[in-house]
PDB file of N, CA and C in Angstrom:
ATOM      1  N   MET A   1       0.955  -1.094  -0.231  1.00  0.00           N
ATOM      2  CA  MET A   1       0.150  -0.186   0.049  1.00  0.00           C
ATOM      3  C   MET A   1       0.760   1.398   0.026  1.00  0.00           C
ATOM      4  N   GLU A   2       0.886   2.152  -0.965  1.00  0.00           N
ATOM      5  CA  GLU A   2       1.509   3.051  -0.851  1.00  0.00           C
ATOM      6  C   GLU A   2       1.888   4.002   0.040  1.00  0.00           C
ATOM      7  N   ASP A   3       0.594   4.334   0.645  1.00  0.00           N
ATOM      8  CA  ASP A   3       0.795   5.100   1.557  1.00  0.00           C
ATOM      9  C   ASP A   3       1.340   4.804   2.637  1.00  0.00           C
ATOM     10  N   SER A   4       1.657   3.815   3.087  1.00  0.00           N
ATOM     11  CA  SER A   4       2.872   3.543   3.838  1.00  0.00           C
ATOM     12  C   SER A   4       4.324   3.706   3.599  1.00  0.00           C
ATOM     13  N   VAL A   5       4.593   3.792   2.399  1.00  0.00           N
ATOM     14  CA  VAL A   5       5.876   4.231   2.214  1.00  0.00           C
ATOM     15  C   VAL A   5       6.632   5.094   2.707  1.00  0.00           C
ATOM     16  N   THR A   6       7.856   4.853   3.604  1.00  0.00           N
ATOM     17  CA  THR A   6       8.266   5.960   4.373  1.00  0.00           C
ATOM     18  C   THR A   6       9.680   6.333   3.678  1.00  0.00           C
ATOM     19  N   PHE A   7      10.066   7.475   3.832  1.00  0.00           N
ATOM     20  CA  PHE A   7      11.436   7.370   3.200  1.00  0.00           C
ATOM     21  C   PHE A   7      11.985   9.092   3.731  1.00  0.00           C
ATOM     22  N   SER A   8      13.148   9.298   3.867  1.00  0.00           N
ATOM     23  CA  SER A   8      13.391  10.817   4.229  1.00  0.00           C
ATOM     24  C   SER A   8      13.553  11.540   3.046  1.00  0.00           C
ATOM     25  N   LEU A   9      13.121  12.820   2.967  1.00  0.00           N
ATOM     26  CA  LEU A   9      13.127  14.057   1.924  1.00  0.00           C
ATOM     27  C   LEU A   9      14.834  14.519   2.260  1.00  0.00           C
ATOM     28  N   LYS A  10      15.183  14.897   1.112  1.00  0.00           N
ATOM     29  CA  LYS A  10      16.691  16.169   1.340  1.00  0.00           C
ATOM     30  C   LYS A  10      15.806  17.231   1.827  1.00  0.00           C
ATOM     31  N   PRO A  11      16.899  18.056   2.349  1.00  0.00           N
ATOM     32  CA  PRO A  11      16.434  19.262   2.363  1.00  0.00           C
ATOM     33  C   PRO A  11      16.441  20.030   0.857  1.00  0.00           C
ATOM     34  N   CYS A  12      15.599  21.049   1.236  1.00  0.00           N
ATOM     35  CA  CYS A  12      15.508  22.428  -0.171  1.00  0.00           C
ATOM     36  C   CYS A  12      17.116  22.351  -0.827  1.00  0.00           C
ATOM     37  N   PRO A  13      17.054  21.918  -2.228  1.00  0.00           N
ATOM     38  CA  PRO A  13      18.438  22.362  -2.752  1.00  0.00           C
ATOM     39  C   PRO A  13      18.506  23.829  -2.975  1.00  0.00           C
ATOM     40  N   PHE A  14      17.068  24.430  -2.734  1.00  0.00           N
ATOM     41  CA  PHE A  14      17.265  26.141  -3.266  1.00  0.00           C
ATOM     42  C   PHE A  14      17.429  27.085  -1.757  1.00  0.00           C
ATOM     43  N   CYS A  15      16.598  26.545  -0.581  1.00  0.00           N
ATOM     44  CA  CYS A  15      16.845  27.119   0.795  1.00  0.00           C
ATOM     45  C   CYS A  15      17.119  26.584   1.940  1.00  0.00           C
ATOM     46  N   GLY A  16      17.333  25.086   1.336  1.00  0.00           N
ATOM     47  CA  GLY A  16      17.660  24.279   2.779  1.00  0.00           C
ATOM     48  C   GLY A  16      16.518  23.537   3.631  1.00  0.00           C
ATOM     49  N   GLY A  17      14.937  24.440   3.304  1.00  0.00           N
ATOM     50  CA  GLY A  17      13.932  23.910   3.871  1.00  0.00           C
ATOM     51  C   GLY A  17      13.292  22.492   4.293  1.00  0.00           C
ATOM     52  N   ARG A  18      12.293  22.057   4.740  1.00  0.00           N
ATOM     53  CA  ARG A  18      11.641  21.007   4.781  1.00  0.00           C
ATOM     54  C   ARG A  18      11.004  20.844   3.721  1.00  0.00           C
ATOM     55  N   ALA A  19      10.847  19.743   3.294  1.00  0.00           N
ATOM     56  CA  ALA A  19      10.229  19.014   2.088  1.00  0.00           C
ATOM     57  C   ALA A  19       8.793  17.926   2.372  1.00  0.00           C
ATOM     58  N   LEU A  20       7.878  18.475   1.767  1.00  0.00           N
ATOM     59  CA  LEU A  20       6.860  17.579   2.196  1.00  0.00           C
ATOM     60  C   LEU A  20       6.561  16.883   0.782  1.00  0.00           C
ATOM     61  N   VAL A  21       5.442  15.524   0.531  1.00  0.00           N
ATOM     62  CA  VAL A  21       5.173  15.160  -0.562  1.00  0.00           C
ATOM     63  C   VAL A  21       3.338  15.539  -0.391  1.00  0.00           C
ATOM     64  N   HIS A  22       2.906  16.243  -1.318  1.00  0.00           N
ATOM     65  CA  HIS A  22       1.556  16.423  -1.381  1.00  0.00           C
ATOM     66  C   HIS A  22       0.795  15.338  -2.380  1.00  0.00           C
ATOM     67  N   ARG A  23      -0.351  14.916  -2.089  1.00  0.00           N
ATOM     68  CA  ARG A  23      -1.301  13.990  -2.614  1.00  0.00           C
ATOM     69  C   ARG A  23      -2.596  14.060  -2.439  1.00  0.00           C
ATOM     70  N   HIS A  24      -2.858  15.298  -2.627  1.00  0.00           N
ATOM     71  CA  HIS A  24      -4.266  15.680  -2.979  1.00  0.00           C
ATOM     72  C   HIS A  24      -4.617  15.942  -4.182  1.00  0.00           C
ATOM     73  N   GLY A  25      -5.637  15.026  -4.778  1.00  0.00           N
ATOM     74  CA  GLY A  25      -5.734  15.164  -6.414  1.00  0.00           C
ATOM     75  C   GLY A  25      -4.090  14.891  -7.121  1.00  0.00           C
ATOM     76  N   ILE A  26      -3.572  15.750  -6.987  1.00  0.00           N
ATOM     77  CA  ILE A  26      -2.149  15.616  -7.615  1.00  0.00           C
ATOM     78  C   ILE A  26      -0.664  15.059  -6.766  1.00  0.00           C
ATOM     79  N   ILE A  27      -0.155  14.674  -7.289  1.00  0.00           N
ATOM     80  CA  ILE A  27       1.081  14.070  -6.430  1.00  0.00           C
ATOM     81  C   ILE A  27       2.586  14.406  -6.563  1.00  0.00           C
ATOM     82  N   PHE A  28       3.005  15.687  -5.732  1.00  0.00           N
ATOM     83  CA  PHE A  28       4.517  16.462  -6.243  1.00  0.00           C
ATOM     84  C   PHE A  28       4.949  16.552  -4.757  1.00  0.00           C
ATOM     85  N   ALA A  29       6.226  16.931  -4.768  1.00  0.00           N
ATOM     86  CA  ALA A  29       7.144  16.761  -3.489  1.00  0.00           C
ATOM     87  C   ALA A  29       7.334  18.466  -3.841  1.00  0.00           C
ATOM     88  N   GLU A  30       7.102  19.266  -2.197  1.00  0.00           N
ATOM     89  CA  GLU A  30       7.185  20.860  -2.523  1.00  0.00           C
ATOM     90  C   GLU A  30       8.371  21.085  -0.994  1.00  0.00           C
ATOM     91  N   CYS A  31       8.825  22.141  -1.114  1.00  0.00           N
ATOM     92  CA  CYS A  31       9.812  22.746   0.023  1.00  0.00           C
ATOM     93  C   CYS A  31       8.408  23.708   0.950  1.00  0.00           C
ATOM     94  N   THR A  32       8.110  23.328   2.114  1.00  0.00           N
ATOM     95  CA  THR A  32       7.565  24.405   2.853  1.00  0.00           C
ATOM     96  C   THR A  32       8.098  25.768   2.936  1.00  0.00           C
ATOM     97  N   ALA A  33       8.936  26.283   2.843  1.00  0.00           N
ATOM     98  CA  ALA A  33       9.676  27.577   3.151  1.00  0.00           C
ATOM     99  C   ALA A  33       9.798  28.189   1.454  1.00  0.00           C
ATOM    100  N   CYS A  34       9.996  27.813   0.391  1.00  0.00           N
ATOM    101  CA  CYS A  34      10.365  28.866  -0.534  1.00  0.00           C
ATOM    102  C   CYS A  34       9.510  28.154  -1.754  1.00  0.00           C
ATOM    103  N   ARG A  35       9.072  27.200  -1.417  1.00  0.00           N
ATOM    104  CA  ARG A  35       7.778  26.658  -2.565  1.00  0.00           C
ATOM    105  C   ARG A  35       8.334  25.768  -3.773  1.00  0.00           C
ATOM    106  N   GLY A  36       9.791  25.499  -3.886  1.00  0.00           N
ATOM    107  CA  GLY A  36      10.363  24.906  -4.969  1.00  0.00           C
ATOM    108  C   GLY A  36       9.391  23.569  -4.880  1.00  0.00           C
ATOM    109  N   ARG A  37       9.491  22.857  -5.832  1.00  0.00           N
ATOM    110  CA  ARG A  37       8.768  21.718  -6.360  1.00  0.00           C
ATOM    111  C   ARG A  37       9.111  20.808  -7.289  1.00  0.00           C
ATOM    112  N   THR A  38       8.585  19.332  -7.514  1.00  0.00           N
ATOM    113  CA  THR A  38       8.894  18.631  -8.462  1.00  0.00           C
ATOM    114  C   THR A  38       7.803  18.881  -9.691  1.00  0.00           C
ATOM    115  N   LYS A  39       7.827  18.106 -10.594  1.00  0.00           N
ATOM    116  CA  LYS A  39       6.903  17.840 -11.630  1.00  0.00           C
ATOM    117  C   LYS A  39       5.856  17.140 -10.855  1.00  0.00           C
ATOM    118  N   VAL A  40       4.555  16.993 -11.357  1.00  0.00           N
ATOM    119  CA  VAL A  40       3.625  16.342 -11.033  1.00  0.00           C
ATOM    120  C   VAL A  40       3.996  14.778 -11.168  1.00  0.00           C
ATOM    121  N   CYS A  41       3.684  14.169 -10.257  1.00  0.00           N
ATOM    122  CA  CYS A  41       4.315  12.545 -10.623  1.00  0.00           C
ATOM    123  C   CYS A  41       3.161  11.491 -10.131  1.00  0.00           C
ATOM    124  N   SER A  42       3.376  10.455 -10.510  1.00  0.00           N
ATOM    125  CA  SER A  42       2.270   9.119 -10.586  1.00  0.00           C
ATOM    126  C   SER A  42       2.052   8.625  -9.264  1.00  0.00           C
ATOM    127  N   THR A  43       3.305   8.777  -8.528  1.00  0.00           N
ATOM    128  CA  THR A  43       2.817   8.033  -7.083  1.00  0.00           C
ATOM    129  C   THR A  43       4.063   8.738  -6.155  1.00  0.00           C
ATOM    130  N   VAL A  44       3.930   8.507  -4.765  1.00  0.00           N
ATOM    131  CA  VAL A  44       4.219   8.864  -3.281  1.00  0.00           C
ATOM    132  C   VAL A  44       5.604   8.946  -4.038  1.00  0.00           C
ATOM    133  N   TYR A  45       6.217   7.882  -3.941  1.00  0.00           N
ATOM    134  CA  TYR A  45       7.599   6.996  -3.934  1.00  0.00           C
ATOM    135  C   TYR A  45       8.621   7.967  -4.979  1.00  0.00           C
ATOM    136  N   GLU A  46       7.558   7.687  -6.475  1.00  0.00           N
ATOM    137  CA  GLU A  46       8.303   8.722  -7.417  1.00  0.00           C
ATOM    138  C   GLU A  46       8.236  10.313  -7.269  1.00  0.00           C
ATOM    139  N   ALA A  47       7.727  10.930  -6.647  1.00  0.00           N
ATOM    140  CA  ALA A  47       7.821  11.987  -5.918  1.00  0.00           C
ATOM    141  C   ALA A  47       9.105  12.690  -5.244  1.00  0.00           C
ATOM    142  N   GLY A  48       9.092  11.388  -4.383  1.00  0.00           N
ATOM    143  CA  GLY A  48       9.986  11.404  -3.103  1.00  0.00           C
ATOM    144  C   GLY A  48      11.253  11.232  -3.986  1.00  0.00           C
ATOM    145  N   MET A  49      11.408  10.395  -5.012  1.00  0.00           N
ATOM    146  CA  MET A  49      13.117  10.047  -5.753  1.00  0.00           C
ATOM    147  C   MET A  49      13.094  11.099  -6.095  1.00  0.00           C
ATOM    148  N   ALA A  50      12.316  11.526  -6.800  1.00  0.00           N
ATOM    149  CA  ALA A  50      12.645  13.107  -7.855  1.00  0.00           C
ATOM    150  C   ALA A  50      12.592  14.083  -6.712  1.00  0.00           C
ATOM    151  N   TRP A  51      12.361  14.532  -5.926  1.00  0.00           N
ATOM    152  CA  TRP A  51      12.939  15.221  -4.764  1.00  0.00           C
ATOM    153  C   TRP A  51      14.382  14.935  -4.678  1.00  0.00           C
ATOM    154  N   ASN A  52      14.553  13.810  -4.033  1.00  0.00           N
ATOM    155  CA  ASN A  52      16.010  13.616  -3.454  1.00  0.00           C
ATOM    156  C   ASN A  52      17.030  13.505  -4.492  1.00  0.00           C
ATOM    157  N   ARG A  53      16.664  13.506  -6.136  1.00  0.00           N
ATOM    158  CA  ARG A  53      17.457  13.382  -7.251  1.00  0.00           C
ATOM    159  C   ARG A  53      18.157  15.044  -7.269  1.00  0.00           C
ATOM    160  N   ARG A  54      19.367  14.844  -7.596  1.00  0.00           N
ATOM    161  CA  ARG A  54      20.243  16.372  -7.543  1.00  0.00           C
ATOM    162  C   ARG A  54      21.089  15.970  -8.809  1.00  0.00           C
ATOM    163  N   ALA A  55      20.752  16.751  -9.593  1.00  0.00           N
ATOM    164  CA  ALA A  55      21.375  16.824 -11.178  1.00  0.00           C
ATOM    165  C   ALA A  55      21.772  18.008 -11.373  1.00  0.00           C
ATOM    166  N   TYR A  56      23.339  17.977 -10.928  1.00  0.00           N
ATOM    167  CA  TYR A  56      24.082  19.122 -11.158  1.00  0.00           C
ATOM    168  C   TYR A  56      25.451  18.854 -12.139  1.00  0.00           C
ATOM    169  N   PRO A  57      25.771  19.660 -13.067  1.00  0.00           N
ATOM    170  CA  PRO A  57      26.917  19.485 -13.821  1.00  0.00           C
ATOM    171  C   PRO A  57      28.009  18.978 -13.154  1.00  0.00           C
ATOM    172  N   GLU A  58      28.567  17.937 -13.227  1.00  0.00           N
ATOM    173  CA  GLU A  58      29.705  17.301 -12.914  1.00  0.00           C
ATOM    174  C   GLU A  58      30.744  18.760 -12.569  1.00  0.00           C
ATOM    175  N   GLY A  59      31.361  19.254 -11.535  1.00  0.00           N
ATOM    176  CA  GLY A  59      32.420  19.887 -11.077  1.00  0.00           C
ATOM    177  C   GLY A  59      31.678  21.216 -10.363  1.00  0.00           C
ATOM    178  N   THR A  60      30.345  21.312 -10.396  1.00  0.00           N
ATOM    179  CA  THR A  60      29.518  22.282  -9.810  1.00  0.00           C
ATOM    180  C   THR A  60      29.910  22.552  -8.496  1.00  0.00           C
ATOM    181  N   SER A  61      30.400  23.742  -8.303  1.00  0.00           N
ATOM    182  CA  SER A  61      30.942  23.924  -6.717  1.00  0.00           C
ATOM    183  C   SER A  61      29.483  24.461  -5.862  1.00  0.00           C
ATOM    184  N   GLU A  62      29.132  24.226  -4.551  1.00  0.00           N
ATOM    185  CA  GLU A  62      28.491  24.835  -4.065  1.00  0.00           C
ATOM    186  C   GLU A  62      28.435  26.147  -4.206  1.00  0.00           C
ATOM    187  N   GLU A  63      29.552  26.899  -4.260  1.00  0.00           N
ATOM    188  CA  GLU A  63      29.653  28.553  -4.363  1.00  0.00           C
ATOM    189  C   GLU A  63      28.967  28.887  -6.218  1.00  0.00           C
ATOM    190  N   ASP A  64      29.037  28.049  -6.739  1.00  0.00           N
ATOM    191  CA  ASP A  64      28.459  28.054  -8.159  1.00  0.00           C
ATOM    192  C   ASP A  64      26.998  28.015  -7.884  1.00  0.00           C
ATOM    193  N   LEU A  65      26.503  27.396  -7.396  1.00  0.00           N
ATOM    194  CA  LEU A  65      25.131  27.181  -7.389  1.00  0.00           C
ATOM    195  C   LEU A  65      24.627  28.100  -6.508  1.00  0.00           C
ATOM    196  N   ARG A  66      25.469  29.072  -5.651  1.00  0.00           N
ATOM    197  CA  ARG A  66      24.618  29.624  -4.559  1.00  0.00           C
ATOM    198  C   ARG A  66      24.533  31.272  -5.487  1.00  0.00           C
ATOM    199  N   SER A  67      25.761  31.318  -6.377  1.00  0.00           N
ATOM    200  CA  SER A  67      25.709  32.705  -7.188  1.00  0.00           C
ATOM    201  C   SER A  67      24.487  32.144  -8.352  1.00  0.00           C
ATOM    202  N   PHE A  68      24.384  30.995  -8.748  1.00  0.00           N
ATOM    203  CA  PHE A  68      23.489  31.012  -9.766  1.00  0.00           C
ATOM    204  C   PHE A  68      21.567  31.429  -9.326  1.00  0.00           C
ATOM    205  N   PHE A  69      21.398  30.825  -8.123  1.00  0.00           N
ATOM    206  CA  PHE A  69      20.335  30.725  -7.426  1.00  0.00           C
ATOM    207  C   PHE A  69      19.945  32.521  -7.038  1.00  0.00           C
ATOM    208  N   GLU A  70      21.406  32.946  -6.505  1.00  0.00           N
ATOM    209  CA  GLU A  70      21.437  34.459  -6.267  1.00  0.00           C
ATOM    210  C   GLU A  70      20.711  35.392  -7.397  1.00  0.00           C
ATOM    211  N   ASN A  71      21.889  35.058  -8.665  1.00  0.00           N
ATOM    212  CA  ASN A  71      21.319  35.825  -9.747  1.00  0.00           C
ATOM    213  C   ASN A  71      19.817  35.695 -10.059  1.00  0.00           C
ATOM    214  N   ASP A  72      19.467  34.372  -9.960  1.00  0.00           N
ATOM    215  CA  ASP A  72      17.880  34.018 -10.805  1.00  0.00           C
ATOM    216  C   ASP A  72      17.007  34.969  -9.800  1.00  0.00           C
ATOM    217  N   ALA A  73      17.256  34.741  -8.625  1.00  0.00           N
ATOM    218  CA  ALA A  73      16.178  35.212  -7.802  1.00  0.00           C
ATOM    219  C   ALA A  73      16.062  37.004  -7.901  1.00  0.00           C
ATOM    220  N   ASN A  74      17.484  37.768  -8.154  1.00  0.00           N
ATOM    221  CA  ASN A  74      17.822  39.188  -8.147  1.00  0.00           C
ATOM    222  C   ASN A  74      17.037  39.235  -9.603  1.00  0.00           C
ATOM    223  N   GLU A  75      17.353  38.384 -10.448  1.00  0.00           N
ATOM    224  CA  GLU A  75      16.466  38.768 -12.044  1.00  0.00           C
ATOM    225  C   GLU A  75      14.751  38.520 -12.035  1.00  0.00           C
ATOM    226  N   ALA A  76      14.523  37.711 -11.053  1.00  0.00           N
ATOM    227  CA  ALA A  76      13.165  37.334 -10.935  1.00  0.00           C
ATOM    228  C   ALA A  76      12.392  38.736 -10.423  1.00  0.00           C
ATOM    229  N   GLU A  77      13.091  39.269  -9.439  1.00  0.00           N
ATOM    230  CA  GLU A  77      12.903  40.391  -8.635  1.00  0.00           C
ATOM    231  C   GLU A  77      12.981  41.874  -9.389  1.00  0.00           C
ATOM    232  N   GLY A  78      13.528  41.579 -10.513  1.00  0.00           N
ATOM    233  CA  GLY A  78      13.898  42.832 -11.267  1.00  0.00           C
ATOM    234  C   GLY A  78      15.230  43.894 -11.179  1.00  0.00           C
ATOM    235  N   ASN A  79      15.796  43.278 -10.169  1.00  0.00           N
ATOM    236  CA  ASN A  79      17.280  43.859  -9.551  1.00  0.00           C
ATOM    237  C   ASN A  79      18.472  43.452 -10.463  1.00  0.00           C
ATOM    238  N   HIS A  80      19.228  43.827 -11.384  1.00  0.00           N
ATOM    239  CA  HIS A  80      19.896  43.456 -12.363  1.00  0.00           C
ATOM    240  C   HIS A  80      21.606  43.854 -12.048  1.00  0.00           C
TER     241      HIS A  80
END
């Protein structure tokens, strides 16, 4: 039974917040802080696996990621 599947969700890759899997009509994982989310998934397990997958190019440093997300947030707010 899928509702009994338990696993740990990694912290949000964007802000470090806590994630939950939503299963109200559609299934996806979402950060409770910044609302980053996965695609819509077929199962709770698939949503958890999608959330926990980190696909960064080989050799990407933590500093590169921070810079990328800070620049992206500034552009979204109109701060160039």
